[in-house]
C-alpha atoms as a PDB file:
ATOM      1  CA  MET A   1      -0.026  -0.057  -0.104  1.00  0.00           C
ATOM      2  CA  THR A   2       2.712   2.535   0.886  1.00  0.00           C
ATOM      3  CA  TRP A   3       4.576   2.109  -2.428  1.00  0.00           C
ATOM      4  CA  LYS A   4       1.366   2.321  -4.334  1.00  0.00           C
ATOM      5  CA  LEU A   5       0.252   5.563  -2.523  1.00  0.00           C
ATOM      6  CA  ALA A   6       3.839   7.004  -2.949  1.00  0.00           C
ATOM      7  CA  GLY A   7       3.571   6.155  -6.723  1.00  0.00           C
ATOM      8  CA  ALA A   8       0.260   7.764  -7.036  1.00  0.00           C
ATOM      9  CA  LEU A   9       1.289  10.880  -5.234  1.00  0.00           C
ATOM     10  CA  LEU A  10       4.312  11.104  -7.516  1.00  0.00           C
ATOM     11  CA  VAL A  11       2.169  10.778 -10.463  1.00  0.00           C
ATOM     12  CA  GLY A  12      -0.278  13.371  -9.135  1.00  0.00           C
ATOM     13  CA  ALA A  13       2.504  15.824  -8.501  1.00  0.00           C
ATOM     14  CA  SER A  14       3.906  15.304 -12.019  1.00  0.00           C
ATOM     15  CA  VAL A  15       0.512  15.933 -13.502  1.00  0.00           C
ATOM     16  CA  ALA A  16      -0.065  19.048 -11.398  1.00  0.00           C
ATOM     17  CA  LEU A  17       3.015  20.539 -12.978  1.00  0.00           C
ATOM     18  CA  ALA A  18       1.748  19.723 -16.307  1.00  0.00           C
ATOM     19  CA  GLY A  19      -1.633  21.178 -15.920  1.00  0.00           C
ATOM     20  CA  CYS A  20      -3.607  18.766 -17.926  1.00  0.00           C
ATOM     21  CA  THR A  21      -7.288  18.169 -17.087  1.00  0.00           C
ATOM     22  CA  ALA A  22      -7.346  14.767 -18.447  1.00  0.00           C
ATOM     23  CA  ALA A  23      -4.245  13.564 -16.821  1.00  0.00           C
ATOM     24  CA  GLY A  24      -5.297  15.229 -13.539  1.00  0.00           C
ATOM     25  CA  ALA A  25      -8.502  13.378 -13.740  1.00  0.00           C
ATOM     26  CA  VAL A  26      -6.554  10.144 -14.225  1.00  0.00           C
ATOM     27  CA  ALA A  27      -4.178  10.726 -11.372  1.00  0.00           C
ATOM     28  CA  GLY A  28      -6.918  11.876  -8.935  1.00  0.00           C
ATOM     29  CA  GLY A  29      -8.810   8.716  -9.873  1.00  0.00           C
ATOM     30  CA  VAL A  30      -5.654   6.636  -9.118  1.00  0.00           C
ATOM     31  CA  ALA A  31      -4.978   8.366  -5.896  1.00  0.00           C
ATOM     32  CA  GLY A  32      -8.852   8.242  -4.764  1.00  0.00           C
ATOM     33  CA  HIS A  33      -8.894   4.578  -5.473  1.00  0.00           C
ATOM     34  CA  GLU A  34      -5.726   3.799  -3.388  1.00  0.00           C
ATOM     35  CA  LEU A  35      -6.729   6.081  -0.506  1.00  0.00           C
ATOM     36  CA  THR A  36     -10.242   4.538  -0.115  1.00  0.00           C
ATOM     37  CA  ASP A  37      -9.186   1.085  -0.800  1.00  0.00           C
ATOM     38  CA  GLY A  38     -10.861   0.793  -4.183  1.00  0.00           C
ATOM     39  CA  SER A  39     -14.033   2.387  -3.388  1.00  0.00           C
ATOM     40  CA  ALA A  40     -16.041   3.684  -6.294  1.00  0.00           C
ATOM     41  CA  ALA A  41     -17.082   6.881  -4.711  1.00  0.00           C
ATOM     42  CA  GLY A  42     -13.510   7.564  -3.826  1.00  0.00           C
ATOM     43  CA  THR A  43     -12.232   6.904  -7.259  1.00  0.00           C
ATOM     44  CA  ILE A  44     -14.775   9.020  -8.891  1.00  0.00           C
ATOM     45  CA  GLY A  45     -14.428  11.819  -6.279  1.00  0.00           C
ATOM     46  CA  GLY A  46     -10.657  11.694  -6.966  1.00  0.00           C
ATOM     47  CA  ALA A  47     -11.099  12.049 -10.470  1.00  0.00           C
ATOM     48  CA  VAL A  48     -13.479  15.097 -10.205  1.00  0.00           C
ATOM     49  CA  VAL A  49     -10.999  16.895  -7.816  1.00  0.00           C
ATOM     50  CA  GLY A  50      -7.967  15.965  -9.946  1.00  0.00           C
ATOM     51  CA  GLY A  51      -9.665  17.160 -13.230  1.00  0.00           C
ATOM     52  CA  VAL A  52     -10.612  20.435 -11.331  1.00  0.00           C
ATOM     53  CA  ILE A  53      -7.112  20.909 -10.176  1.00  0.00           C
ATOM     54  CA  GLY A  54      -5.676  20.052 -13.503  1.00  0.00           C
ATOM     55  CA  HIS A  55      -7.999  22.578 -15.227  1.00  0.00           C
ATOM     56  CA  GLU A  56      -7.100  25.344 -12.730  1.00  0.00           C
ATOM     57  CA  LEU A  57      -3.396  24.915 -12.997  1.00  0.00           C
ATOM     58  CA  GLY A  58      -3.688  24.914 -16.888  1.00  0.00           C
ATOM     59  CA  ASP A  59      -5.312  28.373 -16.954  1.00  0.00           C
END
């Protein structure tokens, strides 16, 4: 779990620097999936938050 979470956070940080909405949604979905142990709501919520962050950083 620790390595998966670290990997997800690394991907999230990389995507945040790129500022891409789709990639932010993917990274957020992966992070949400890992943080909530595979919960569908956590995955979708993470994707939404990641997409919003990616969109705002891209502006």
